[in-house]
Amino acid sequence: MSFASFSEFLAMGPHGVYVWSAYGICVAVLALNVALPLRARRRYWQEQARRLRREESR
């Protein structure tokens, strides 16, 4: 497949909306696969620190 210009490449004819939305969804899923476990780990360590402080104050 060859395109005459970069703007034609971005438009990808009638398939541009499908192609770029598929890429966008893929990137979003990959980002969530990284971000959600990091957030859960941070929340876990914060909860453990709170639990430890509560136990030490008793």
C-alpha atoms as a PDB file:
ATOM      1  CA  MET A   1       0.000   0.000   0.000  1.00  0.00           C
ATOM      2  CA  SER A   2       1.429   3.359  -0.934  1.00  0.00           C
ATOM      3  CA  PHE A   3       0.122   6.806  -0.127  1.00  0.00           C
ATOM      4  CA  ALA A   4       0.766  10.014  -2.038  1.00  0.00           C
ATOM      5  CA  SER A   5       1.037  12.120   1.119  1.00  0.00           C
ATOM      6  CA  PHE A   6       1.126  11.868   4.872  1.00  0.00           C
ATOM      7  CA  SER A   7      -2.405  13.249   5.142  1.00  0.00           C
ATOM      8  CA  GLU A   8      -3.642  10.427   2.876  1.00  0.00           C
ATOM      9  CA  PHE A   9      -1.877   7.970   5.152  1.00  0.00           C
ATOM     10  CA  LEU A  10      -3.632   9.414   8.203  1.00  0.00           C
ATOM     11  CA  ALA A  11      -7.009   9.374   6.441  1.00  0.00           C
ATOM     12  CA  MET A  12      -6.465   5.811   5.113  1.00  0.00           C
ATOM     13  CA  GLY A  13      -9.287   6.213   2.684  1.00  0.00           C
ATOM     14  CA  PRO A  14     -12.641   5.001   3.990  1.00  0.00           C
ATOM     15  CA  HIS A  15     -10.943   2.828   6.638  1.00  0.00           C
ATOM     16  CA  GLY A  16      -9.259   5.601   8.611  1.00  0.00           C
ATOM     17  CA  VAL A  17     -11.876   5.843  11.355  1.00  0.00           C
ATOM     18  CA  TYR A  18     -11.799   2.088  11.971  1.00  0.00           C
ATOM     19  CA  VAL A  19      -7.998   1.812  11.873  1.00  0.00           C
ATOM     20  CA  TRP A  20      -7.264   4.760  14.159  1.00  0.00           C
ATOM     21  CA  SER A  21     -10.016   3.880  16.622  1.00  0.00           C
ATOM     22  CA  ALA A  22      -8.605   0.340  16.821  1.00  0.00           C
ATOM     23  CA  TYR A  23      -5.141   1.757  17.519  1.00  0.00           C
ATOM     24  CA  GLY A  24      -6.590   4.099  20.132  1.00  0.00           C
ATOM     25  CA  ILE A  25      -8.459   1.321  21.926  1.00  0.00           C
ATOM     26  CA  CYS A  26      -5.346  -0.855  21.882  1.00  0.00           C
ATOM     27  CA  VAL A  27      -3.206   1.904  23.402  1.00  0.00           C
ATOM     28  CA  ALA A  28      -5.868   2.596  26.043  1.00  0.00           C
ATOM     29  CA  VAL A  29      -6.027  -1.076  27.052  1.00  0.00           C
ATOM     30  CA  LEU A  30      -2.241  -1.321  27.241  1.00  0.00           C
ATOM     31  CA  ALA A  31      -2.098   1.826  29.380  1.00  0.00           C
ATOM     32  CA  LEU A  32      -4.750   0.424  31.731  1.00  0.00           C
ATOM     33  CA  ASN A  33      -2.815  -2.857  31.974  1.00  0.00           C
ATOM     34  CA  VAL A  34       0.113  -0.860  33.305  1.00  0.00           C
ATOM     35  CA  ALA A  35      -1.669   1.805  35.358  1.00  0.00           C
ATOM     36  CA  LEU A  36      -4.231  -0.268  37.274  1.00  0.00           C
ATOM     37  CA  PRO A  37      -1.749  -2.735  38.858  1.00  0.00           C
ATOM     38  CA  LEU A  38       0.541   0.157  39.806  1.00  0.00           C
ATOM     39  CA  ARG A  39      -2.380   1.955  41.436  1.00  0.00           C
ATOM     40  CA  ALA A  40      -3.470  -1.212  43.248  1.00  0.00           C
ATOM     41  CA  ARG A  41       0.073  -1.809  44.531  1.00  0.00           C
ATOM     42  CA  ARG A  42       0.320   1.774  45.808  1.00  0.00           C
ATOM     43  CA  ARG A  43      -3.066   1.450  47.532  1.00  0.00           C
ATOM     44  CA  TYR A  44      -1.996  -1.870  49.094  1.00  0.00           C
ATOM     45  CA  TRP A  45       1.200  -0.357  50.527  1.00  0.00           C
ATOM     46  CA  GLN A  46      -0.680   2.676  51.849  1.00  0.00           C
ATOM     47  CA  GLU A  47      -3.195   0.409  53.569  1.00  0.00           C
ATOM     48  CA  GLN A  48      -0.413  -1.685  55.077  1.00  0.00           C
ATOM     49  CA  ALA A  49       1.313   1.448  56.385  1.00  0.00           C
ATOM     50  CA  ARG A  50      -1.979   2.615  57.958  1.00  0.00           C
ATOM     51  CA  ARG A  51      -2.489  -0.808  59.530  1.00  0.00           C
ATOM     52  CA  LEU A  52       1.058  -0.792  60.923  1.00  0.00           C
ATOM     53  CA  ARG A  53       0.615   2.717  62.396  1.00  0.00           C
ATOM     54  CA  ARG A  54      -2.665   1.623  64.029  1.00  0.00           C
ATOM     55  CA  GLU A  55      -1.013  -1.441  65.546  1.00  0.00           C
ATOM     56  CA  GLU A  56       1.947   0.564  66.835  1.00  0.00           C
ATOM     57  CA  SER A  57      -0.288   3.152  68.472  1.00  0.00           C
ATOM     58  CA  ARG A  58      -2.123   0.544  70.541  1.00  0.00           C
END
